[in-house]
N, C-alpha and C. Protein backbone atom coordinates (compact mmCIF):
# COMPACT_ATOMS: atom_id res chain seq x y z
N MET A 1 30.43 -1.88 -32.80
CA MET A 1 29.41 -2.28 -31.80
C MET A 1 28.30 -1.21 -31.87
N LYS A 2 27.24 -1.91 -31.91
CA LYS A 2 25.96 -1.14 -31.95
C LYS A 2 25.65 -0.14 -30.61
N GLU A 3 25.22 1.08 -31.04
CA GLU A 3 25.03 1.87 -29.89
C GLU A 3 23.52 1.68 -29.27
N ASN A 4 23.40 1.86 -28.00
CA ASN A 4 21.98 1.45 -27.24
C ASN A 4 21.56 2.94 -26.73
N ILE A 5 20.40 3.34 -27.04
CA ILE A 5 19.88 4.52 -26.57
C ILE A 5 19.74 4.53 -25.01
N LEU A 6 19.42 3.30 -24.41
CA LEU A 6 19.43 3.29 -22.94
C LEU A 6 20.75 3.68 -22.26
N ASP A 7 21.81 3.65 -22.93
CA ASP A 7 23.27 4.03 -22.50
C ASP A 7 23.29 5.69 -22.30
N TYR A 8 22.48 6.16 -23.10
CA TYR A 8 22.27 7.70 -22.97
C TYR A 8 21.21 8.35 -22.03
N LEU A 9 20.32 7.54 -21.62
CA LEU A 9 19.32 7.84 -20.77
C LEU A 9 19.74 7.87 -19.45
N PRO A 10 19.24 8.90 -18.54
CA PRO A 10 19.67 8.90 -17.11
C PRO A 10 19.36 7.60 -16.37
N SER A 11 20.15 7.28 -15.39
CA SER A 11 20.01 6.03 -14.66
C SER A 11 19.34 6.30 -13.20
N ASP A 12 18.57 7.34 -13.21
CA ASP A 12 17.99 7.87 -12.01
C ASP A 12 16.56 8.22 -12.27
N LEU A 13 15.45 7.68 -11.73
CA LEU A 13 14.11 7.70 -12.16
C LEU A 13 13.68 9.26 -12.26
N GLU A 14 14.00 10.00 -11.19
CA GLU A 14 13.49 11.62 -11.28
C GLU A 14 14.21 12.16 -12.61
N ALA A 15 15.54 12.01 -12.74
CA ALA A 15 16.23 12.66 -14.08
C ALA A 15 15.57 12.00 -15.23
N LEU A 16 15.26 10.63 -15.25
CA LEU A 16 14.45 10.13 -16.60
C LEU A 16 13.15 10.92 -16.63
N LYS A 17 12.37 11.18 -15.52
CA LYS A 17 11.06 11.65 -15.47
C LYS A 17 11.11 13.12 -16.19
N LYS A 18 12.22 13.91 -15.81
CA LYS A 18 12.35 15.20 -16.53
C LYS A 18 12.62 15.10 -18.17
N VAL A 19 13.54 14.08 -18.46
CA VAL A 19 13.70 13.77 -19.82
C VAL A 19 12.15 13.45 -20.64
N VAL A 20 11.42 12.60 -19.95
CA VAL A 20 10.14 12.03 -20.56
C VAL A 20 9.13 13.44 -20.57
N LYS A 21 9.09 14.26 -19.54
CA LYS A 21 8.18 15.55 -19.47
C LYS A 21 8.47 16.43 -20.68
N ALA A 22 9.82 16.55 -20.90
CA ALA A 22 10.36 17.52 -22.12
C ALA A 22 10.37 16.82 -23.50
N CYS A 23 9.97 15.57 -23.58
CA CYS A 23 9.95 14.76 -24.74
C CYS A 23 8.72 15.20 -25.65
N HIS A 24 9.17 15.15 -27.02
CA HIS A 24 8.18 15.82 -27.98
C HIS A 24 8.50 14.97 -29.44
N VAL A 25 9.09 13.77 -29.17
CA VAL A 25 9.47 12.91 -30.30
C VAL A 25 8.14 12.66 -31.32
N CYS A 26 7.06 12.22 -30.83
CA CYS A 26 6.01 11.74 -31.56
C CYS A 26 4.76 12.86 -31.35
N GLU A 27 3.84 12.73 -32.43
CA GLU A 27 2.88 13.58 -32.58
C GLU A 27 1.92 13.85 -31.47
N ILE A 28 1.81 12.62 -30.51
CA ILE A 28 0.71 12.71 -29.49
C ILE A 28 1.17 13.53 -28.50
N SER A 29 2.52 13.77 -28.33
CA SER A 29 3.05 14.71 -27.20
C SER A 29 2.61 16.01 -27.45
N GLN A 30 2.02 16.33 -28.57
CA GLN A 30 1.55 17.65 -28.87
C GLN A 30 0.12 17.98 -28.31
N SER A 31 -0.52 16.95 -28.00
CA SER A 31 -1.99 17.19 -27.54
C SER A 31 -2.10 16.65 -25.96
N ARG A 32 -0.97 16.28 -25.43
CA ARG A 32 -1.17 15.92 -24.03
C ARG A 32 -1.26 16.98 -23.12
N GLN A 33 -1.80 16.86 -21.94
CA GLN A 33 -1.93 17.60 -20.88
C GLN A 33 -0.61 17.37 -19.90
N HIS A 34 -0.44 16.34 -19.83
CA HIS A 34 0.78 15.80 -18.95
C HIS A 34 1.40 14.60 -19.48
N ALA A 35 2.45 14.31 -19.58
CA ALA A 35 3.31 13.07 -19.84
C ALA A 35 3.02 12.25 -18.42
N VAL A 36 2.63 11.06 -18.56
CA VAL A 36 2.57 9.98 -17.43
C VAL A 36 3.54 9.25 -17.32
N PHE A 37 4.52 9.61 -16.47
CA PHE A 37 5.78 8.74 -16.52
C PHE A 37 5.69 7.39 -15.65
N GLY A 38 4.85 7.35 -14.64
CA GLY A 38 4.91 6.21 -13.88
C GLY A 38 5.03 6.71 -12.37
N GLU A 39 4.70 5.70 -11.39
CA GLU A 39 4.98 6.05 -10.16
C GLU A 39 5.04 4.54 -9.32
N GLY A 40 5.93 4.97 -8.25
CA GLY A 40 6.05 3.76 -7.38
C GLY A 40 7.44 3.86 -6.81
N PRO A 41 7.85 2.85 -6.05
CA PRO A 41 9.03 2.88 -5.37
C PRO A 41 10.29 2.25 -6.62
N ASP A 42 11.65 2.76 -6.44
CA ASP A 42 12.45 2.48 -7.45
C ASP A 42 13.21 1.08 -7.16
N ASN A 43 12.65 0.35 -6.17
CA ASN A 43 12.97 -1.01 -5.88
C ASN A 43 11.89 -2.04 -5.94
N ALA A 44 10.75 -1.70 -6.58
CA ALA A 44 9.64 -2.43 -6.47
C ALA A 44 9.71 -3.97 -7.08
N ARG A 45 9.19 -4.81 -6.19
CA ARG A 45 9.32 -6.28 -6.55
C ARG A 45 8.37 -6.59 -7.78
N LEU A 46 7.45 -5.72 -7.93
CA LEU A 46 6.31 -5.78 -8.75
C LEU A 46 6.12 -4.78 -9.72
N MET A 47 6.24 -4.70 -10.98
CA MET A 47 5.83 -3.74 -11.85
C MET A 47 4.81 -3.97 -12.84
N ILE A 48 3.75 -3.02 -12.80
CA ILE A 48 2.65 -3.17 -13.52
C ILE A 48 2.79 -2.26 -14.99
N ILE A 49 2.57 -3.00 -16.01
CA ILE A 49 2.59 -2.02 -17.30
C ILE A 49 1.36 -2.20 -18.23
N ALA A 50 0.81 -1.18 -18.48
CA ALA A 50 -0.44 -1.13 -19.30
C ALA A 50 -0.08 -0.41 -20.61
N GLU A 51 -0.97 -0.12 -21.45
CA GLU A 51 -0.65 0.34 -22.79
C GLU A 51 -0.34 1.93 -22.82
N ALA A 52 -1.39 2.68 -22.36
CA ALA A 52 -1.19 4.20 -22.47
C ALA A 52 -2.14 4.85 -21.29
N PRO A 53 -1.71 6.03 -21.00
CA PRO A 53 -2.82 6.81 -20.08
C PRO A 53 -3.96 7.04 -20.86
N GLY A 54 -5.23 7.28 -20.04
CA GLY A 54 -6.29 7.51 -20.46
C GLY A 54 -6.64 8.99 -20.09
N ALA A 55 -7.85 9.51 -20.18
CA ALA A 55 -8.22 10.92 -20.25
C ALA A 55 -7.93 11.44 -18.73
N LYS A 56 -8.30 10.68 -17.64
CA LYS A 56 -8.02 11.03 -16.20
C LYS A 56 -6.55 11.13 -15.94
N GLU A 57 -5.84 10.22 -16.40
CA GLU A 57 -4.39 10.18 -16.22
C GLU A 57 -3.63 11.25 -16.91
N ASP A 58 -4.12 11.58 -18.18
CA ASP A 58 -3.76 12.74 -18.93
C ASP A 58 -3.79 14.08 -18.08
N GLU A 59 -5.10 14.30 -17.37
CA GLU A 59 -5.41 15.31 -16.78
C GLU A 59 -4.47 15.50 -15.38
N LEU A 60 -4.48 14.36 -14.71
CA LEU A 60 -3.74 14.31 -13.35
C LEU A 60 -2.19 14.08 -13.48
N GLY A 61 -1.68 13.45 -14.71
CA GLY A 61 -0.33 13.15 -14.70
C GLY A 61 0.17 11.92 -14.02
N ARG A 62 -0.73 11.20 -13.55
CA ARG A 62 -0.63 9.89 -12.96
C ARG A 62 -1.28 8.59 -13.31
N PRO A 63 -0.56 7.57 -13.46
CA PRO A 63 -1.18 6.34 -13.84
C PRO A 63 -2.27 5.63 -13.10
N PHE A 64 -3.14 5.25 -13.93
CA PHE A 64 -4.36 4.38 -13.38
C PHE A 64 -5.21 5.16 -12.03
N VAL A 65 -5.75 6.09 -12.17
CA VAL A 65 -6.49 7.22 -11.31
C VAL A 65 -7.83 7.29 -11.64
N GLY A 66 -8.29 6.45 -12.55
CA GLY A 66 -9.75 6.52 -12.99
C GLY A 66 -10.50 5.38 -12.30
N ARG A 67 -11.67 4.83 -12.89
CA ARG A 67 -12.28 3.61 -12.53
C ARG A 67 -11.40 2.24 -12.63
N SER A 68 -10.72 2.27 -13.79
CA SER A 68 -9.70 1.34 -14.02
C SER A 68 -8.74 1.22 -12.76
N GLY A 69 -8.26 2.35 -12.39
CA GLY A 69 -7.20 2.48 -11.47
C GLY A 69 -7.79 1.89 -10.00
N GLU A 70 -9.01 2.26 -9.74
CA GLU A 70 -9.63 1.71 -8.42
C GLU A 70 -9.83 0.29 -8.37
N LEU A 71 -10.22 -0.32 -9.59
CA LEU A 71 -10.32 -1.71 -9.81
C LEU A 71 -8.86 -2.26 -9.61
N LEU A 72 -7.95 -1.98 -10.28
CA LEU A 72 -6.53 -2.32 -10.07
C LEU A 72 -6.08 -2.27 -8.52
N THR A 73 -6.28 -1.28 -8.01
CA THR A 73 -5.90 -1.18 -6.53
C THR A 73 -6.46 -2.22 -5.76
N LYS A 74 -7.69 -2.53 -5.92
CA LYS A 74 -8.42 -3.46 -5.30
C LYS A 74 -7.84 -5.08 -5.56
N MET A 75 -7.64 -5.09 -6.94
CA MET A 75 -7.23 -6.37 -7.30
C MET A 75 -5.55 -6.73 -6.73
N ILE A 76 -4.87 -5.67 -6.56
CA ILE A 76 -3.45 -5.81 -5.91
C ILE A 76 -3.72 -6.12 -4.35
N GLU A 77 -4.53 -5.08 -3.81
CA GLU A 77 -4.54 -5.20 -2.51
C GLU A 77 -5.14 -6.56 -1.88
N ASN A 78 -6.26 -6.87 -2.52
CA ASN A 78 -7.00 -8.05 -2.02
C ASN A 78 -6.59 -9.36 -2.40
N ALA A 79 -6.14 -9.52 -3.91
CA ALA A 79 -5.72 -10.72 -4.32
C ALA A 79 -4.24 -11.02 -4.03
N ILE A 80 -3.32 -9.97 -4.18
CA ILE A 80 -2.02 -10.23 -4.01
C ILE A 80 -1.60 -9.93 -2.56
N ALA A 81 -2.31 -9.11 -1.84
CA ALA A 81 -2.12 -8.77 -0.58
C ALA A 81 -0.80 -7.80 -0.20
N ILE A 82 -0.77 -6.77 -1.44
CA ILE A 82 0.28 -5.99 -1.09
C ILE A 82 -0.32 -4.54 -1.44
N LYS A 83 0.24 -3.44 -0.78
CA LYS A 83 -0.20 -2.06 -1.30
C LYS A 83 0.01 -1.59 -2.48
N ARG A 84 -0.76 -0.72 -3.02
CA ARG A 84 -0.48 -0.12 -4.33
C ARG A 84 0.82 0.61 -4.28
N GLU A 85 1.24 1.29 -3.11
CA GLU A 85 2.31 2.03 -2.78
C GLU A 85 3.47 1.34 -2.95
N SER A 86 3.42 -0.17 -2.86
CA SER A 86 4.63 -0.89 -2.97
C SER A 86 4.81 -1.30 -4.40
N VAL A 87 4.08 -0.96 -5.36
CA VAL A 87 4.19 -1.60 -6.90
C VAL A 87 4.52 -0.21 -7.83
N TYR A 88 5.45 -0.42 -8.73
CA TYR A 88 5.62 0.38 -9.63
C TYR A 88 4.71 0.28 -10.84
N ILE A 89 3.94 1.41 -11.29
CA ILE A 89 3.07 1.30 -12.37
C ILE A 89 3.48 2.34 -13.44
N SER A 90 3.39 1.68 -14.65
CA SER A 90 3.79 2.49 -15.92
C SER A 90 3.02 1.97 -17.15
N ASN A 91 3.19 2.70 -18.32
CA ASN A 91 2.74 2.36 -19.52
C ASN A 91 3.83 2.28 -20.68
N ILE A 92 3.18 1.51 -21.66
CA ILE A 92 4.28 1.28 -22.91
C ILE A 92 4.33 2.71 -23.51
N ILE A 93 3.41 3.66 -23.44
CA ILE A 93 3.85 4.99 -23.82
C ILE A 93 3.39 6.00 -22.78
N LYS A 94 3.75 7.31 -22.82
CA LYS A 94 3.65 8.26 -21.65
C LYS A 94 2.62 9.07 -21.98
N CYS A 95 2.13 9.22 -23.14
CA CYS A 95 1.18 10.37 -23.62
C CYS A 95 -0.31 9.64 -23.86
N ARG A 96 -1.34 10.26 -23.73
CA ARG A 96 -2.47 9.69 -24.27
C ARG A 96 -2.74 9.80 -25.73
N PRO A 97 -3.15 8.67 -26.29
CA PRO A 97 -3.42 8.71 -27.67
C PRO A 97 -4.80 9.30 -28.00
N PRO A 98 -5.07 9.99 -28.96
CA PRO A 98 -6.38 10.72 -29.28
C PRO A 98 -7.47 9.60 -29.03
N ASN A 99 -8.39 9.99 -28.50
CA ASN A 99 -9.79 9.02 -28.45
C ASN A 99 -9.46 7.67 -27.59
N ASN A 100 -8.33 7.63 -26.87
CA ASN A 100 -8.03 6.56 -26.17
C ASN A 100 -7.77 5.28 -27.16
N ARG A 101 -7.31 5.58 -28.44
CA ARG A 101 -7.00 4.34 -29.14
C ARG A 101 -5.77 3.87 -28.68
N ASN A 102 -5.46 2.64 -29.22
CA ASN A 102 -4.23 1.82 -28.75
C ASN A 102 -2.89 2.69 -29.34
N PRO A 103 -1.85 2.69 -28.78
CA PRO A 103 -0.75 3.32 -29.49
C PRO A 103 -0.20 2.65 -30.62
N ASN A 104 0.28 3.25 -31.76
CA ASN A 104 0.62 2.68 -33.04
C ASN A 104 2.19 2.29 -32.84
N SER A 105 2.75 1.67 -33.63
CA SER A 105 4.08 1.23 -33.55
C SER A 105 5.26 2.33 -33.49
N ASP A 106 4.98 3.35 -34.21
CA ASP A 106 5.89 4.43 -34.27
C ASP A 106 5.77 5.24 -32.66
N GLU A 107 4.72 5.51 -32.18
CA GLU A 107 4.32 5.93 -30.59
C GLU A 107 5.15 5.08 -29.80
N ALA A 108 5.03 3.63 -30.06
CA ALA A 108 5.41 2.64 -29.02
C ALA A 108 7.18 2.93 -29.11
N ALA A 109 7.53 2.85 -30.51
CA ALA A 109 8.94 2.75 -30.53
C ALA A 109 9.60 4.05 -30.17
N ALA A 110 8.77 5.21 -29.97
CA ALA A 110 9.42 6.38 -29.47
C ALA A 110 9.44 6.31 -27.74
N CYS A 111 8.58 5.63 -27.31
CA CYS A 111 8.51 5.50 -25.83
C CYS A 111 9.28 4.24 -25.19
N LEU A 112 9.24 3.20 -26.03
CA LEU A 112 9.75 2.02 -25.31
C LEU A 112 11.19 2.18 -24.82
N PRO A 113 12.15 3.09 -25.21
CA PRO A 113 13.44 3.08 -24.43
C PRO A 113 13.21 3.73 -23.18
N PHE A 114 12.10 4.48 -22.78
CA PHE A 114 11.98 5.10 -21.73
C PHE A 114 11.48 4.22 -20.59
N LEU A 115 10.54 3.26 -21.20
CA LEU A 115 9.93 2.17 -20.33
C LEU A 115 11.14 1.08 -20.01
N GLU A 116 11.94 0.98 -21.05
CA GLU A 116 13.18 -0.20 -20.92
C GLU A 116 14.01 0.24 -19.75
N LYS A 117 14.39 1.89 -19.82
CA LYS A 117 15.19 2.10 -18.70
C LYS A 117 14.38 2.23 -17.27
N GLN A 118 13.12 2.45 -17.12
CA GLN A 118 12.47 2.31 -16.14
C GLN A 118 12.74 0.76 -15.41
N ILE A 119 12.56 -0.19 -16.19
CA ILE A 119 12.61 -1.34 -15.90
C ILE A 119 14.06 -1.63 -15.55
N GLU A 120 15.08 -1.16 -16.48
CA GLU A 120 16.51 -1.64 -15.81
C GLU A 120 16.70 -0.94 -14.45
N ILE A 121 16.37 0.21 -14.40
CA ILE A 121 16.54 1.01 -12.95
C ILE A 121 15.78 0.21 -11.83
N ILE A 122 14.66 0.02 -12.01
CA ILE A 122 13.77 -0.71 -10.94
C ILE A 122 14.12 -2.06 -10.58
N LYS A 123 14.54 -2.90 -11.64
CA LYS A 123 14.80 -4.45 -11.56
C LYS A 123 13.78 -5.27 -11.02
N PRO A 124 12.55 -5.05 -11.34
CA PRO A 124 11.41 -5.89 -10.61
C PRO A 124 11.70 -7.33 -10.88
N GLU A 125 11.12 -8.17 -10.11
CA GLU A 125 11.18 -9.65 -10.15
C GLU A 125 9.93 -10.07 -10.93
N ILE A 126 8.98 -9.30 -11.11
CA ILE A 126 7.76 -9.72 -11.96
C ILE A 126 7.20 -8.52 -12.66
N ILE A 127 6.82 -8.71 -14.07
CA ILE A 127 6.19 -7.64 -14.56
C ILE A 127 4.85 -8.11 -14.84
N LEU A 128 3.78 -7.49 -14.41
CA LEU A 128 2.49 -7.79 -14.80
C LEU A 128 2.01 -6.86 -16.06
N CYS A 129 1.61 -7.35 -17.04
CA CYS A 129 1.26 -6.83 -18.38
C CYS A 129 -0.17 -6.78 -18.29
N LEU A 130 -0.92 -5.51 -18.41
CA LEU A 130 -2.25 -5.50 -18.33
C LEU A 130 -2.64 -5.28 -19.79
N GLY A 131 -3.27 -6.19 -20.38
CA GLY A 131 -3.99 -5.93 -21.91
C GLY A 131 -2.79 -6.46 -22.72
N SER A 132 -3.52 -6.67 -23.94
CA SER A 132 -2.66 -7.25 -25.10
C SER A 132 -1.68 -6.34 -25.66
N VAL A 133 -1.68 -4.97 -25.48
CA VAL A 133 -0.84 -4.13 -26.00
C VAL A 133 0.55 -4.25 -25.32
N SER A 134 0.51 -4.14 -24.07
CA SER A 134 1.61 -4.11 -23.28
C SER A 134 2.40 -5.56 -23.33
N PHE A 135 1.46 -6.73 -23.41
CA PHE A 135 1.88 -8.08 -23.55
C PHE A 135 2.58 -8.17 -24.83
N HIS A 136 2.03 -7.61 -25.67
CA HIS A 136 2.72 -8.01 -27.06
C HIS A 136 4.18 -7.10 -27.39
N TYR A 137 4.14 -5.92 -26.90
CA TYR A 137 5.27 -5.04 -26.96
C TYR A 137 6.40 -5.63 -26.03
N LEU A 138 5.91 -6.24 -25.04
CA LEU A 138 7.09 -6.77 -24.23
C LEU A 138 7.35 -8.41 -24.38
N SER A 139 6.56 -9.06 -24.97
CA SER A 139 6.78 -10.55 -25.13
C SER A 139 7.10 -10.85 -26.46
N ASP A 140 6.88 -10.12 -27.61
CA ASP A 140 6.85 -10.40 -28.97
C ASP A 140 6.10 -11.63 -29.22
N SER A 141 5.15 -12.02 -28.38
CA SER A 141 4.36 -13.01 -28.64
C SER A 141 3.10 -12.90 -29.36
N ALA A 142 2.66 -13.63 -30.23
CA ALA A 142 1.41 -13.44 -31.05
C ALA A 142 0.04 -13.98 -30.28
N LEU A 143 0.18 -14.51 -29.23
CA LEU A 143 -0.83 -15.04 -28.48
C LEU A 143 -1.82 -13.88 -28.23
N SER A 144 -3.19 -14.27 -28.24
CA SER A 144 -4.13 -13.31 -27.83
C SER A 144 -3.87 -13.31 -25.98
N ILE A 145 -4.53 -12.14 -25.52
CA ILE A 145 -4.14 -11.95 -24.06
C ILE A 145 -5.14 -13.39 -23.45
N SER A 146 -6.28 -13.51 -24.11
CA SER A 146 -6.89 -14.73 -23.27
C SER A 146 -6.25 -15.95 -23.34
N LYS A 147 -5.42 -16.04 -24.46
CA LYS A 147 -4.66 -17.50 -24.35
C LYS A 147 -3.27 -17.30 -23.50
N ALA A 148 -2.86 -16.14 -23.48
CA ALA A 148 -1.63 -15.86 -22.80
C ALA A 148 -1.83 -15.83 -21.18
N ARG A 149 -2.91 -15.25 -21.02
CA ARG A 149 -3.01 -15.05 -19.52
C ARG A 149 -2.96 -16.50 -18.73
N GLY A 150 -2.49 -16.39 -17.50
CA GLY A 150 -2.53 -17.74 -16.75
C GLY A 150 -0.95 -18.54 -16.87
N ARG A 151 -0.12 -17.83 -17.75
CA ARG A 151 1.22 -18.44 -18.00
C ARG A 151 2.00 -17.22 -17.52
N VAL A 152 3.43 -17.74 -17.62
CA VAL A 152 4.60 -16.88 -17.17
C VAL A 152 5.65 -16.93 -18.37
N PHE A 153 5.75 -15.68 -18.88
CA PHE A 153 6.77 -15.71 -19.85
C PHE A 153 8.00 -14.95 -19.35
N ASP A 154 8.95 -14.55 -19.97
CA ASP A 154 10.34 -14.08 -19.77
C ASP A 154 10.44 -12.77 -20.46
N PHE A 155 10.88 -11.69 -19.73
CA PHE A 155 11.31 -10.38 -20.30
C PHE A 155 12.66 -10.19 -19.82
N ARG A 156 13.84 -10.59 -20.57
CA ARG A 156 15.29 -10.21 -20.19
C ARG A 156 15.46 -10.72 -18.75
N GLY A 157 14.91 -12.16 -18.56
CA GLY A 157 15.26 -12.68 -17.23
C GLY A 157 14.26 -12.09 -15.81
N ILE A 158 13.20 -11.33 -16.39
CA ILE A 158 12.38 -11.01 -15.42
C ILE A 158 10.89 -11.95 -15.76
N LYS A 159 10.06 -12.39 -14.73
CA LYS A 159 9.12 -13.26 -14.95
C LYS A 159 7.99 -12.13 -15.51
N LEU A 160 7.35 -12.39 -16.60
CA LEU A 160 6.42 -11.64 -17.16
C LEU A 160 5.03 -12.21 -17.23
N VAL A 161 3.96 -11.71 -16.50
CA VAL A 161 2.58 -12.40 -16.27
C VAL A 161 1.72 -11.55 -16.99
N PRO A 162 0.89 -11.97 -18.12
CA PRO A 162 -0.22 -11.19 -18.81
C PRO A 162 -1.61 -11.46 -18.10
N SER A 163 -2.38 -10.31 -18.07
CA SER A 163 -3.57 -10.45 -17.67
C SER A 163 -4.45 -9.29 -18.36
N PHE A 164 -5.56 -9.54 -18.09
CA PHE A 164 -6.80 -8.34 -18.62
C PHE A 164 -6.52 -7.14 -18.02
N HIS A 165 -6.66 -6.10 -18.96
CA HIS A 165 -6.76 -4.81 -18.52
C HIS A 165 -7.84 -4.32 -17.48
N PRO A 166 -7.75 -3.74 -16.65
CA PRO A 166 -9.06 -3.45 -15.72
C PRO A 166 -10.23 -2.70 -16.50
N SER A 167 -9.93 -2.05 -17.51
CA SER A 167 -11.01 -1.32 -18.29
C SER A 167 -11.86 -2.53 -19.07
N TYR A 168 -11.25 -3.60 -19.61
CA TYR A 168 -11.83 -4.85 -19.94
C TYR A 168 -12.66 -5.44 -18.99
N LEU A 169 -12.15 -5.54 -17.95
CA LEU A 169 -12.86 -6.28 -16.82
C LEU A 169 -14.09 -5.49 -16.22
N LEU A 170 -13.92 -4.09 -16.47
CA LEU A 170 -15.25 -3.34 -16.13
C LEU A 170 -16.35 -3.43 -17.31
N ARG A 171 -15.94 -3.80 -18.30
CA ARG A 171 -16.70 -3.98 -19.54
C ARG A 171 -17.31 -5.56 -19.55
N ASN A 172 -16.52 -6.42 -18.93
CA ASN A 172 -16.57 -7.79 -18.83
C ASN A 172 -16.28 -8.46 -17.54
N PRO A 173 -17.47 -8.22 -16.70
CA PRO A 173 -17.02 -8.58 -15.40
C PRO A 173 -17.03 -10.07 -15.14
N SER A 174 -17.50 -11.00 -16.07
CA SER A 174 -17.40 -12.27 -16.08
C SER A 174 -15.88 -12.75 -16.01
N ALA A 175 -14.85 -11.99 -16.64
CA ALA A 175 -13.45 -12.27 -16.67
C ALA A 175 -12.59 -11.98 -15.42
N LYS A 176 -13.41 -11.32 -14.49
CA LYS A 176 -12.77 -11.11 -13.08
C LYS A 176 -12.31 -12.16 -12.57
N LYS A 177 -12.76 -13.50 -12.58
CA LYS A 177 -12.36 -14.45 -11.96
C LYS A 177 -11.17 -14.95 -12.57
N GLU A 178 -10.88 -14.98 -13.70
CA GLU A 178 -9.52 -15.40 -14.62
C GLU A 178 -8.57 -14.43 -14.06
N ALA A 179 -8.84 -13.00 -13.93
CA ALA A 179 -7.82 -11.94 -13.56
C ALA A 179 -7.64 -12.34 -12.08
N TYR A 180 -8.40 -12.59 -11.29
CA TYR A 180 -8.11 -13.06 -10.02
C TYR A 180 -6.94 -14.15 -9.88
N PHE A 181 -7.24 -15.01 -10.57
CA PHE A 181 -6.23 -16.40 -10.51
C PHE A 181 -4.94 -15.89 -11.12
N ASP A 182 -4.96 -14.80 -12.30
CA ASP A 182 -3.73 -14.30 -12.39
C ASP A 182 -3.07 -13.43 -11.46
N MET A 183 -3.76 -12.87 -10.47
CA MET A 183 -3.20 -12.14 -9.34
C MET A 183 -2.77 -13.12 -8.35
N LEU A 184 -3.28 -14.45 -8.12
CA LEU A 184 -2.87 -15.32 -7.09
C LEU A 184 -1.60 -16.01 -7.60
N LEU A 185 -1.35 -16.04 -9.16
CA LEU A 185 -0.24 -16.54 -9.64
C LEU A 185 1.07 -15.66 -9.21
N ILE A 186 0.85 -14.21 -9.30
CA ILE A 186 1.80 -13.26 -8.97
C ILE A 186 2.00 -13.41 -7.49
N LYS A 187 1.02 -13.52 -6.78
CA LYS A 187 1.30 -13.65 -5.16
C LYS A 187 2.29 -15.06 -5.03
N ALA A 188 1.84 -16.00 -5.53
CA ALA A 188 2.93 -17.26 -5.48
C ALA A 188 4.10 -17.12 -6.01
N LEU A 189 4.36 -16.42 -7.10
CA LEU A 189 5.76 -16.08 -7.76
C LEU A 189 6.37 -15.25 -6.63
N LEU A 190 5.63 -14.18 -6.11
CA LEU A 190 6.54 -13.40 -5.24
C LEU A 190 6.91 -14.10 -3.95
N ALA A 191 6.09 -14.97 -3.46
CA ALA A 191 6.45 -15.99 -2.36
C ALA A 191 7.55 -16.69 -2.59
N GLN A 192 7.90 -17.11 -3.72
CA GLN A 192 9.01 -18.21 -4.04
C GLN A 192 10.19 -17.36 -3.91
N THR A 193 10.41 -15.92 -4.12
CA THR A 193 11.77 -15.25 -4.14
C THR A 193 12.03 -14.60 -2.85
């Protein structure tokens, strides 16, 4: 029987966070200020996953604290009508890549077990993937984010909804309408359960 690394990771978020903070498996861990583990309740119905921490997140050790975070908070609270504090927010990788580039496959492979363990512990009903990087790593779909958004996919029995990353929306305000409809889809899915 094939061994699974998830079996060796702690089944408690605080213990898992300590493992992540001590991790130096990939090269980008050498240049980080803080590992950005994620935050939110361990029983969140909605989990939001993006690709990687940015500069402000690396500085503060928290996800979505810059301009993108402000927009994300507005999206959650205004369209879905839930408080940010009731959502669990994380990333595919826990350290900031140089120059905010997308994580490469080795970096994602090193961090994905931590994220998978977070998902296993939290057991969300819905995962919102922000941007193509998180969507592609969790769905194995080749669809672009603009073609995938508005649909519901499956991640190990959990509904997975892709949408645009808030940083994209800041650069392309015309896409906010589509992202708003994605938030309404999530609101409807949460109302069904």
